[in-house]
């Protein structure tokens, strides 16, 4: 089997939706972090943090490649905020960047 490239279609659609909604409201949203990592074996995790002047948004999803090469996304979670996400958001609001 060739190298696995994780694909997070649902996550990318959710991120685009959040960015479009914020733009339509006249807010400038920024992606504060976008991290992909191996969870175990052929399971990967991707976590995106989006911030604007009004709120903090997070999107998280897992992705698995089966032995025959089929890629499945699962566990899509929107707006599940952790401590590190809040710290990034606070730095963003304070103008320190990410």
PDB file of N, CA and C in Angstrom:
ATOM      1  N   UNK A   1       0.844  -1.170   0.000  1.00  0.00           N
ATOM      2  CA  UNK A   1       0.000   0.000   0.000  1.00  0.00           C
ATOM      3  C   UNK A   1       0.899   1.245   0.000  1.00  0.00           C
ATOM      4  N   UNK A   2       0.458   2.251  -0.752  1.00  0.00           N
ATOM      5  CA  UNK A   2       1.253   3.478  -0.784  1.00  0.00           C
ATOM      6  C   UNK A   2       0.980   4.324   0.452  1.00  0.00           C
ATOM      7  N   UNK A   3       1.775   5.392   0.606  1.00  0.00           N
ATOM      8  CA  UNK A   3       1.654   6.267   1.772  1.00  0.00           C
ATOM      9  C   UNK A   3       0.244   6.852   1.884  1.00  0.00           C
ATOM     10  N   UNK A   4      -0.262   6.863   3.085  1.00  0.00           N
ATOM     11  CA  UNK A   4      -1.611   7.348   3.375  1.00  0.00           C
ATOM     12  C   UNK A   4      -1.601   8.864   3.545  1.00  0.00           C
ATOM     13  N   UNK A   5      -2.454   9.539   2.791  1.00  0.00           N
ATOM     14  CA  UNK A   5      -2.663  10.970   2.960  1.00  0.00           C
ATOM     15  C   UNK A   5      -4.066  11.152   3.524  1.00  0.00           C
ATOM     16  N   UNK A   6      -4.169  11.549   4.796  1.00  0.00           N
ATOM     17  CA  UNK A   6      -5.492  11.682   5.402  1.00  0.00           C
ATOM     18  C   UNK A   6      -6.337  12.753   4.710  1.00  0.00           C
ATOM     19  N   UNK A   7      -7.612  12.473   4.545  1.00  0.00           N
ATOM     20  CA  UNK A   7      -8.546  13.399   3.910  1.00  0.00           C
ATOM     21  C   UNK A   7      -9.674  13.670   4.902  1.00  0.00           C
ATOM     22  N   UNK A   8      -9.923  14.931   5.153  1.00  0.00           N
ATOM     23  CA  UNK A   8     -10.921  15.340   6.142  1.00  0.00           C
ATOM     24  C   UNK A   8     -11.985  16.197   5.464  1.00  0.00           C
ATOM     25  N   UNK A   9     -12.777  15.607   4.603  1.00  0.00           N
ATOM     26  CA  UNK A   9     -13.768  16.343   3.805  1.00  0.00           C
ATOM     27  C   UNK A   9     -14.789  17.059   4.671  1.00  0.00           C
ATOM     28  N   UNK A  10     -15.384  16.367   5.639  1.00  0.00           N
ATOM     29  CA  UNK A  10     -16.405  16.979   6.488  1.00  0.00           C
ATOM     30  C   UNK A  10     -15.835  18.131   7.302  1.00  0.00           C
ATOM     31  N   UNK A  11     -14.616  17.951   7.807  1.00  0.00           N
ATOM     32  CA  UNK A  11     -13.968  19.006   8.577  1.00  0.00           C
ATOM     33  C   UNK A  11     -13.753  20.237   7.712  1.00  0.00           C
ATOM     34  N   UNK A  12     -13.251  20.037   6.506  1.00  0.00           N
ATOM     35  CA  UNK A  12     -12.993  21.171   5.621  1.00  0.00           C
ATOM     36  C   UNK A  12     -14.281  21.904   5.253  1.00  0.00           C
ATOM     37  N   UNK A  13     -15.365  21.157   5.079  1.00  0.00           N
ATOM     38  CA  UNK A  13     -16.656  21.794   4.790  1.00  0.00           C
ATOM     39  C   UNK A  13     -17.139  22.596   6.001  1.00  0.00           C
ATOM     40  N   UNK A  14     -16.956  22.061   7.210  1.00  0.00           N
ATOM     41  CA  UNK A  14     -17.378  22.762   8.428  1.00  0.00           C
ATOM     42  C   UNK A  14     -16.558  24.040   8.635  1.00  0.00           C
ATOM     43  N   UNK A  15     -15.249  23.976   8.389  1.00  0.00           N
ATOM     44  CA  UNK A  15     -14.398  25.155   8.512  1.00  0.00           C
ATOM     45  C   UNK A  15     -14.819  26.225   7.507  1.00  0.00           C
ATOM     46  N   UNK A  16     -15.048  25.821   6.266  1.00  0.00           N
ATOM     47  CA  UNK A  16     -15.485  26.769   5.231  1.00  0.00           C
ATOM     48  C   UNK A  16     -16.808  27.411   5.612  1.00  0.00           C
ATOM     49  N   UNK A  17     -17.723  26.627   6.157  1.00  0.00           N
ATOM     50  CA  UNK A  17     -19.025  27.160   6.570  1.00  0.00           C
ATOM     51  C   UNK A  17     -18.856  28.224   7.658  1.00  0.00           C
ATOM     52  N   UNK A  18     -18.036  27.937   8.653  1.00  0.00           N
ATOM     53  CA  UNK A  18     -17.802  28.905   9.731  1.00  0.00           C
ATOM     54  C   UNK A  18     -17.186  30.183   9.176  1.00  0.00           C
ATOM     55  N   UNK A  19     -16.160  30.046   8.337  1.00  0.00           N
ATOM     56  CA  UNK A  19     -15.500  31.226   7.771  1.00  0.00           C
ATOM     57  C   UNK A  19     -16.466  32.053   6.930  1.00  0.00           C
ATOM     58  N   UNK A  20     -17.296  31.387   6.124  1.00  0.00           N
ATOM     59  CA  UNK A  20     -18.274  32.100   5.289  1.00  0.00           C
ATOM     60  C   UNK A  20     -19.324  32.810   6.138  1.00  0.00           C
ATOM     61  N   UNK A  21     -19.805  32.150   7.188  1.00  0.00           N
ATOM     62  CA  UNK A  21     -20.801  32.768   8.074  1.00  0.00           C
ATOM     63  C   UNK A  21     -20.235  33.999   8.759  1.00  0.00           C
ATOM     64  N   UNK A  22     -19.011  33.905   9.249  1.00  0.00           N
ATOM     65  CA  UNK A  22     -18.387  35.037   9.936  1.00  0.00           C
ATOM     66  C   UNK A  22     -18.169  36.196   8.965  1.00  0.00           C
ATOM     67  N   UNK A  23     -17.734  35.890   7.733  1.00  0.00           N
ATOM     68  CA  UNK A  23     -17.528  36.928   6.713  1.00  0.00           C
ATOM     69  C   UNK A  23     -18.845  37.607   6.365  1.00  0.00           C
ATOM     70  N   UNK A  24     -19.914  36.829   6.232  1.00  0.00           N
ATOM     71  CA  UNK A  24     -21.235  37.382   5.922  1.00  0.00           C
ATOM     72  C   UNK A  24     -21.718  38.321   7.025  1.00  0.00           C
ATOM     73  N   UNK A  25     -21.253  38.099   8.250  1.00  0.00           N
ATOM     74  CA  UNK A  25     -21.612  38.960   9.377  1.00  0.00           C
ATOM     75  C   UNK A  25     -20.710  40.194   9.455  1.00  0.00           C
ATOM     76  N   UNK A  26     -19.746  40.286   8.541  1.00  0.00           N
ATOM     77  CA  UNK A  26     -18.826  41.419   8.543  1.00  0.00           C
ATOM     78  C   UNK A  26     -17.656  41.254   9.492  1.00  0.00           C
ATOM     79  N   UNK A  27     -17.414  40.034   9.951  1.00  0.00           N
ATOM     80  CA  UNK A  27     -16.309  39.755  10.862  1.00  0.00           C
ATOM     81  C   UNK A  27     -15.148  39.125  10.108  1.00  0.00           C
ATOM     82  N   UNK A  28     -13.942  39.445  10.523  1.00  0.00           N
ATOM     83  CA  UNK A  28     -12.766  38.834   9.918  1.00  0.00           C
ATOM     84  C   UNK A  28     -12.297  37.698  10.814  1.00  0.00           C
ATOM     85  N   UNK A  29     -12.535  36.478  10.385  1.00  0.00           N
ATOM     86  CA  UNK A  29     -12.129  35.298  11.145  1.00  0.00           C
ATOM     87  C   UNK A  29     -10.764  34.828  10.644  1.00  0.00           C
ATOM     88  N   UNK A  30      -9.971  34.294  11.552  1.00  0.00           N
ATOM     89  CA  UNK A  30      -8.640  33.784  11.217  1.00  0.00           C
ATOM     90  C   UNK A  30      -8.495  32.358  11.724  1.00  0.00           C
ATOM     91  N   UNK A  31      -7.806  31.537  10.958  1.00  0.00           N
ATOM     92  CA  UNK A  31      -7.470  30.193  11.424  1.00  0.00           C
ATOM     93  C   UNK A  31      -6.256  30.355  12.333  1.00  0.00           C
ATOM     94  N   UNK A  32      -6.447  30.062  13.614  1.00  0.00           N
ATOM     95  CA  UNK A  32      -5.384  30.237  14.596  1.00  0.00           C
ATOM     96  C   UNK A  32      -4.450  29.044  14.635  1.00  0.00           C
ATOM     97  N   UNK A  33      -4.972  27.860  14.340  1.00  0.00           N
ATOM     98  CA  UNK A  33      -4.125  26.673  14.225  1.00  0.00           C
ATOM     99  C   UNK A  33      -4.847  25.611  13.413  1.00  0.00           C
ATOM    100  N   UNK A  34      -4.058  24.776  12.762  1.00  0.00           N
ATOM    101  CA  UNK A  34      -4.565  23.668  11.948  1.00  0.00           C
ATOM    102  C   UNK A  34      -3.551  22.542  12.099  1.00  0.00           C
ATOM    103  N   UNK A  35      -3.885  21.550  12.910  1.00  0.00           N
ATOM    104  CA  UNK A  35      -2.938  20.504  13.273  1.00  0.00           C
ATOM    105  C   UNK A  35      -3.463  19.129  12.865  1.00  0.00           C
ATOM    106  N   UNK A  36      -2.614  18.373  12.168  1.00  0.00           N
ATOM    107  CA  UNK A  36      -2.919  16.983  11.826  1.00  0.00           C
ATOM    108  C   UNK A  36      -1.869  16.102  12.481  1.00  0.00           C
ATOM    109  N   UNK A  37      -2.329  15.036  13.131  1.00  0.00           N
ATOM    110  CA  UNK A  37      -1.378  14.131  13.781  1.00  0.00           C
ATOM    111  C   UNK A  37      -1.883  12.700  13.739  1.00  0.00           C
ATOM    112  N   UNK A  38      -0.964  11.767  13.888  1.00  0.00           N
ATOM    113  CA  UNK A  38      -1.323  10.355  13.929  1.00  0.00           C
ATOM    114  C   UNK A  38      -1.883  10.034  15.311  1.00  0.00           C
ATOM    115  N   UNK A  39      -3.081   9.462  15.345  1.00  0.00           N
ATOM    116  CA  UNK A  39      -3.694   9.071  16.618  1.00  0.00           C
ATOM    117  C   UNK A  39      -3.218   7.671  17.000  1.00  0.00           C
ATOM    118  N   UNK A  40      -3.190   6.756  16.022  1.00  0.00           N
ATOM    119  CA  UNK A  40      -2.646   5.415  16.221  1.00  0.00           C
ATOM    120  C   UNK A  40      -2.759   4.659  14.912  1.00  0.00           C
ATOM    121  N   UNK A  41      -1.697   3.993  14.534  1.00  0.00           N
ATOM    122  CA  UNK A  41      -1.706   3.204  13.296  1.00  0.00           C
ATOM    123  C   UNK A  41      -2.142   4.020  12.093  1.00  0.00           C
ATOM    124  N   UNK A  42      -3.243   3.625  11.483  1.00  0.00           N
ATOM    125  CA  UNK A  42      -3.755   4.317  10.302  1.00  0.00           C
ATOM    126  C   UNK A  42      -4.889   5.288  10.635  1.00  0.00           C
ATOM    127  N   UNK A  43      -4.952   5.736  11.886  1.00  0.00           N
ATOM    128  CA  UNK A  43      -5.959   6.711  12.302  1.00  0.00           C
ATOM    129  C   UNK A  43      -5.263   8.054  12.527  1.00  0.00           C
ATOM    130  N   UNK A  44      -5.800   9.079  11.883  1.00  0.00           N
ATOM    131  CA  UNK A  44      -5.255  10.419  12.007  1.00  0.00           C
ATOM    132  C   UNK A  44      -6.304  11.358  12.584  1.00  0.00           C
ATOM    133  N   UNK A  45      -5.838  12.416  13.208  1.00  0.00           N
ATOM    134  CA  UNK A  45      -6.703  13.405  13.835  1.00  0.00           C
ATOM    135  C   UNK A  45      -6.332  14.785  13.294  1.00  0.00           C
ATOM    136  N   UNK A  46      -7.347  15.617  13.042  1.00  0.00           N
ATOM    137  CA  UNK A  46      -7.097  16.991  12.606  1.00  0.00           C
ATOM    138  C   UNK A  46      -7.942  17.925  13.464  1.00  0.00           C
ATOM    139  N   UNK A  47      -7.325  19.004  13.912  1.00  0.00           N
ATOM    140  CA  UNK A  47      -7.968  19.961  14.813  1.00  0.00           C
ATOM    141  C   UNK A  47      -7.713  21.365  14.276  1.00  0.00           C
ATOM    142  N   UNK A  48      -8.790  22.117  14.027  1.00  0.00           N
ATOM    143  CA  UNK A  48      -8.684  23.483  13.502  1.00  0.00           C
ATOM    144  C   UNK A  48      -9.331  24.439  14.507  1.00  0.00           C
ATOM    145  N   UNK A  49      -8.622  25.534  14.803  1.00  0.00           N
ATOM    146  CA  UNK A  49      -9.127  26.565  15.704  1.00  0.00           C
ATOM    147  C   UNK A  49      -9.292  27.849  14.895  1.00  0.00           C
ATOM    148  N   UNK A  50     -10.491  28.440  14.973  1.00  0.00           N
ATOM    149  CA  UNK A  50     -10.813  29.667  14.241  1.00  0.00           C
ATOM    150  C   UNK A  50     -11.240  30.718  15.253  1.00  0.00           C
ATOM    151  N   UNK A  51     -10.701  31.934  15.122  1.00  0.00           N
ATOM    152  CA  UNK A  51     -11.076  33.003  16.035  1.00  0.00           C
ATOM    153  C   UNK A  51     -11.455  34.259  15.279  1.00  0.00           C
ATOM    154  N   UNK A  52     -12.332  35.051  15.875  1.00  0.00           N
ATOM    155  CA  UNK A  52     -12.646  36.384  15.375  1.00  0.00           C
ATOM    156  C   UNK A  52     -12.826  37.279  16.590  1.00  0.00           C
ATOM    157  N   UNK A  53     -13.198  38.524  16.391  1.00  0.00           N
ATOM    158  CA  UNK A  53     -13.288  39.459  17.514  1.00  0.00           C
ATOM    159  C   UNK A  53     -14.449  39.158  18.452  1.00  0.00           C
ATOM    160  N   UNK A  54     -15.333  38.245  18.072  1.00  0.00           N
ATOM    161  CA  UNK A  54     -16.528  37.958  18.864  1.00  0.00           C
ATOM    162  C   UNK A  54     -16.486  36.578  19.509  1.00  0.00           C
ATOM    163  N   UNK A  55     -15.894  35.587  18.831  1.00  0.00           N
ATOM    164  CA  UNK A  55     -15.983  34.230  19.362  1.00  0.00           C
ATOM    165  C   UNK A  55     -14.856  33.327  18.885  1.00  0.00           C
ATOM    166  N   UNK A  56     -14.825  32.151  19.492  1.00  0.00           N
ATOM    167  CA  UNK A  56     -13.845  31.111  19.199  1.00  0.00           C
ATOM    168  C   UNK A  56     -14.584  29.888  18.669  1.00  0.00           C
ATOM    169  N   UNK A  57     -14.058  29.274  17.622  1.00  0.00           N
ATOM    170  CA  UNK A  57     -14.667  28.092  17.013  1.00  0.00           C
ATOM    171  C   UNK A  57     -13.597  27.014  16.869  1.00  0.00           C
ATOM    172  N   UNK A  58     -13.980  25.767  17.082  1.00  0.00           N
ATOM    173  CA  UNK A  58     -13.063  24.660  16.849  1.00  0.00           C
ATOM    174  C   UNK A  58     -13.768  23.572  16.047  1.00  0.00           C
ATOM    175  N   UNK A  59     -12.991  22.866  15.237  1.00  0.00           N
ATOM    176  CA  UNK A  59     -13.506  21.734  14.470  1.00  0.00           C
ATOM    177  C   UNK A  59     -12.472  20.616  14.591  1.00  0.00           C
ATOM    178  N   UNK A  60     -12.936  19.400  14.880  1.00  0.00           N
ATOM    179  CA  UNK A  60     -12.041  18.269  15.068  1.00  0.00           C
ATOM    180  C   UNK A  60     -12.633  17.040  14.382  1.00  0.00           C
ATOM    181  N   UNK A  61     -11.777  16.249  13.737  1.00  0.00           N
ATOM    182  CA  UNK A  61     -12.248  15.030  13.081  1.00  0.00           C
ATOM    183  C   UNK A  61     -11.130  13.997  13.036  1.00  0.00           C
ATOM    184  N   UNK A  62     -11.538  12.727  13.017  1.00  0.00           N
ATOM    185  CA  UNK A  62     -10.613  11.617  12.830  1.00  0.00           C
ATOM    186  C   UNK A  62     -10.776  11.066  11.418  1.00  0.00           C
ATOM    187  N   UNK A  63      -9.737  10.396  10.940  1.00  0.00           N
ATOM    188  CA  UNK A  63      -9.738   9.807   9.607  1.00  0.00           C
ATOM    189  C   UNK A  63      -9.009   8.465   9.694  1.00  0.00           C
ATOM    190  N   UNK A  64      -9.553   7.454   9.013  1.00  0.00           N
ATOM    191  CA  UNK A  64      -8.973   6.107   9.039  1.00  0.00           C
ATOM    192  C   UNK A  64      -8.827   5.569   7.625  1.00  0.00           C
ATOM    193  N   UNK A  65      -7.707   4.880   7.381  1.00  0.00           N
ATOM    194  CA  UNK A  65      -7.527   4.202   6.108  1.00  0.00           C
ATOM    195  C   UNK A  65      -7.605   2.704   6.357  1.00  0.00           C
ATOM    196  N   UNK A  66      -8.551   2.050   5.678  1.00  0.00           N
ATOM    197  CA  UNK A  66      -8.710   0.606   5.838  1.00  0.00           C
ATOM    198  C   UNK A  66      -7.571  -0.129   5.125  1.00  0.00           C
ATOM    199  N   UNK A  67      -7.403  -1.422   5.414  1.00  0.00           N
ATOM    200  CA  UNK A  67      -6.344  -2.201   4.762  1.00  0.00           C
ATOM    201  C   UNK A  67      -6.446  -2.216   3.231  1.00  0.00           C
ATOM    202  N   UNK A  68      -7.651  -2.023   2.668  1.00  0.00           N
ATOM    203  CA  UNK A  68      -7.787  -2.013   1.213  1.00  0.00           C
ATOM    204  C   UNK A  68      -7.638  -0.603   0.630  1.00  0.00           C
ATOM    205  N   UNK A  69      -7.358   0.387   1.502  1.00  0.00           N
ATOM    206  CA  UNK A  69      -7.101   1.739   1.027  1.00  0.00           C
ATOM    207  C   UNK A  69      -8.273   2.698   1.092  1.00  0.00           C
ATOM    208  N   UNK A  70      -9.428   2.243   1.548  1.00  0.00           N
ATOM    209  CA  UNK A  70     -10.587   3.117   1.663  1.00  0.00           C
ATOM    210  C   UNK A  70     -10.378   4.098   2.820  1.00  0.00           C
ATOM    211  N   UNK A  71     -10.706   5.367   2.591  1.00  0.00           N
ATOM    212  CA  UNK A  71     -10.527   6.392   3.609  1.00  0.00           C
ATOM    213  C   UNK A  71     -11.890   6.789   4.161  1.00  0.00           C
ATOM    214  N   UNK A  72     -12.028   6.724   5.480  1.00  0.00           N
ATOM    215  CA  UNK A  72     -13.274   7.080   6.162  1.00  0.00           C
ATOM    216  C   UNK A  72     -12.996   8.141   7.211  1.00  0.00           C
ATOM    217  N   UNK A  73     -13.798   9.212   7.195  1.00  0.00           N
ATOM    218  CA  UNK A  73     -13.735  10.207   8.249  1.00  0.00           C
ATOM    219  C   UNK A  73     -14.789   9.882   9.287  1.00  0.00           C
ATOM    220  N   UNK A  74     -14.495  10.131  10.558  1.00  0.00           N
ATOM    221  CA  UNK A  74     -15.471   9.885  11.621  1.00  0.00           C
ATOM    222  C   UNK A  74     -15.177  10.815  12.791  1.00  0.00           C
ATOM    223  N   UNK A  75     -16.158  10.933  13.671  1.00  0.00           N
ATOM    224  CA  UNK A  75     -15.968  11.698  14.898  1.00  0.00           C
ATOM    225  C   UNK A  75     -15.870  13.197  14.687  1.00  0.00           C
ATOM    226  N   UNK A  76     -16.620  13.753  13.732  1.00  0.00           N
ATOM    227  CA  UNK A  76     -16.598  15.200  13.511  1.00  0.00           C
ATOM    228  C   UNK A  76     -17.217  15.900  14.721  1.00  0.00           C
ATOM    229  N   UNK A  77     -16.453  16.825  15.295  1.00  0.00           N
ATOM    230  CA  UNK A  77     -16.910  17.596  16.451  1.00  0.00           C
ATOM    231  C   UNK A  77     -16.700  19.073  16.139  1.00  0.00           C
ATOM    232  N   UNK A  78     -17.753  19.874  16.325  1.00  0.00           N
ATOM    233  CA  UNK A  78     -17.659  21.311  16.099  1.00  0.00           C
ATOM    234  C   UNK A  78     -17.898  22.011  17.433  1.00  0.00           C
ATOM    235  N   UNK A  79     -17.067  22.998  17.741  1.00  0.00           N
ATOM    236  CA  UNK A  79     -17.188  23.828  18.948  1.00  0.00           C
ATOM    237  C   UNK A  79     -16.912  23.087  20.243  1.00  0.00           C
ATOM    238  N   UNK A  80     -15.918  22.239  20.245  1.00  0.00           N
ATOM    239  CA  UNK A  80     -15.463  21.582  21.463  1.00  0.00           C
ATOM    240  C   UNK A  80     -14.119  22.223  21.821  1.00  0.00           C
ATOM    241  N   UNK A  81     -14.140  23.176  22.730  1.00  0.00           N
ATOM    242  CA  UNK A  81     -12.983  24.021  23.009  1.00  0.00           C
ATOM    243  C   UNK A  81     -12.174  23.464  24.175  1.00  0.00           C
ATOM    244  N   UNK A  82     -10.850  23.451  24.003  1.00  0.00           N
ATOM    245  CA  UNK A  82      -9.941  23.031  25.056  1.00  0.00           C
ATOM    246  C   UNK A  82      -9.151  24.209  25.607  1.00  0.00           C
ATOM    247  N   UNK A  83      -8.395  23.979  26.661  1.00  0.00           N
ATOM    248  CA  UNK A  83      -7.617  25.039  27.308  1.00  0.00           C
ATOM    249  C   UNK A  83      -6.615  25.666  26.348  1.00  0.00           C
ATOM    250  N   UNK A  84      -5.898  24.854  25.583  1.00  0.00           N
ATOM    251  CA  UNK A  84      -4.904  25.417  24.654  1.00  0.00           C
ATOM    252  C   UNK A  84      -5.580  26.281  23.588  1.00  0.00           C
ATOM    253  N   UNK A  85      -6.820  25.920  23.184  1.00  0.00           N
ATOM    254  CA  UNK A  85      -7.559  26.727  22.210  1.00  0.00           C
ATOM    255  C   UNK A  85      -7.879  28.108  22.788  1.00  0.00           C
ATOM    256  N   UNK A  86      -8.287  28.141  24.038  1.00  0.00           N
ATOM    257  CA  UNK A  86      -8.614  29.415  24.693  1.00  0.00           C
ATOM    258  C   UNK A  86      -7.359  30.280  24.813  1.00  0.00           C
ATOM    259  N   UNK A  87      -6.222  29.666  25.120  1.00  0.00           N
ATOM    260  CA  UNK A  87      -4.967  30.431  25.215  1.00  0.00           C
ATOM    261  C   UNK A  87      -4.600  31.045  23.869  1.00  0.00           C
ATOM    262  N   UNK A  88      -4.733  30.268  22.788  1.00  0.00           N
ATOM    263  CA  UNK A  88      -4.450  30.803  21.440  1.00  0.00           C
ATOM    264  C   UNK A  88      -5.377  31.966  21.122  1.00  0.00           C
ATOM    265  N   UNK A  89      -6.636  31.816  21.479  1.00  0.00           N
ATOM    266  CA  UNK A  89      -7.640  32.843  21.205  1.00  0.00           C
ATOM    267  C   UNK A  89      -7.339  34.116  22.007  1.00  0.00           C
ATOM    268  N   UNK A  90      -6.958  33.962  23.265  1.00  0.00           N
ATOM    269  CA  UNK A  90      -6.625  35.118  24.095  1.00  0.00           C
ATOM    270  C   UNK A  90      -5.428  35.872  23.523  1.00  0.00           C
ATOM    271  N   UNK A  91      -4.398  35.144  23.080  1.00  0.00           N
ATOM    272  CA  UNK A  91      -3.239  35.788  22.445  1.00  0.00           C
ATOM    273  C   UNK A  91      -3.658  36.509  21.173  1.00  0.00           C
ATOM    274  N   UNK A  92      -4.557  35.897  20.410  1.00  0.00           N
ATOM    275  CA  UNK A  92      -5.064  36.506  19.173  1.00  0.00           C
ATOM    276  C   UNK A  92      -5.785  37.830  19.489  1.00  0.00           C
ATOM    277  N   UNK A  93      -6.642  37.815  20.489  1.00  0.00           N
ATOM    278  CA  UNK A  93      -7.380  39.026  20.862  1.00  0.00           C
ATOM    279  C   UNK A  93      -6.451  40.108  21.413  1.00  0.00           C
ATOM    280  N   UNK A  94      -5.383  39.689  22.076  1.00  0.00           N
ATOM    281  CA  UNK A  94      -4.417  40.645  22.617  1.00  0.00           C
ATOM    282  C   UNK A  94      -3.473  41.177  21.556  1.00  0.00           C
ATOM    283  N   UNK A  95      -3.617  40.677  20.313  1.00  0.00           N
ATOM    284  CA  UNK A  95      -2.783  41.151  19.211  1.00  0.00           C
ATOM    285  C   UNK A  95      -1.398  40.559  19.168  1.00  0.00           C
ATOM    286  N   UNK A  96      -1.187  39.468  19.882  1.00  0.00           N
ATOM    287  CA  UNK A  96       0.125  38.838  19.918  1.00  0.00           C
ATOM    288  C   UNK A  96       0.314  37.815  18.804  1.00  0.00           C
ATOM    289  N   UNK A  97      -0.705  37.583  17.999  1.00  0.00           N
ATOM    290  CA  UNK A  97      -0.605  36.543  16.971  1.00  0.00           C
ATOM    291  C   UNK A  97      -0.814  35.183  17.589  1.00  0.00           C
ATOM    292  N   UNK A  98      -0.401  34.167  16.868  1.00  0.00           N
ATOM    293  CA  UNK A  98      -0.631  32.809  17.323  1.00  0.00           C
ATOM    294  C   UNK A  98       0.674  32.148  17.664  1.00  0.00           C
TER     295      UNK A  98
END
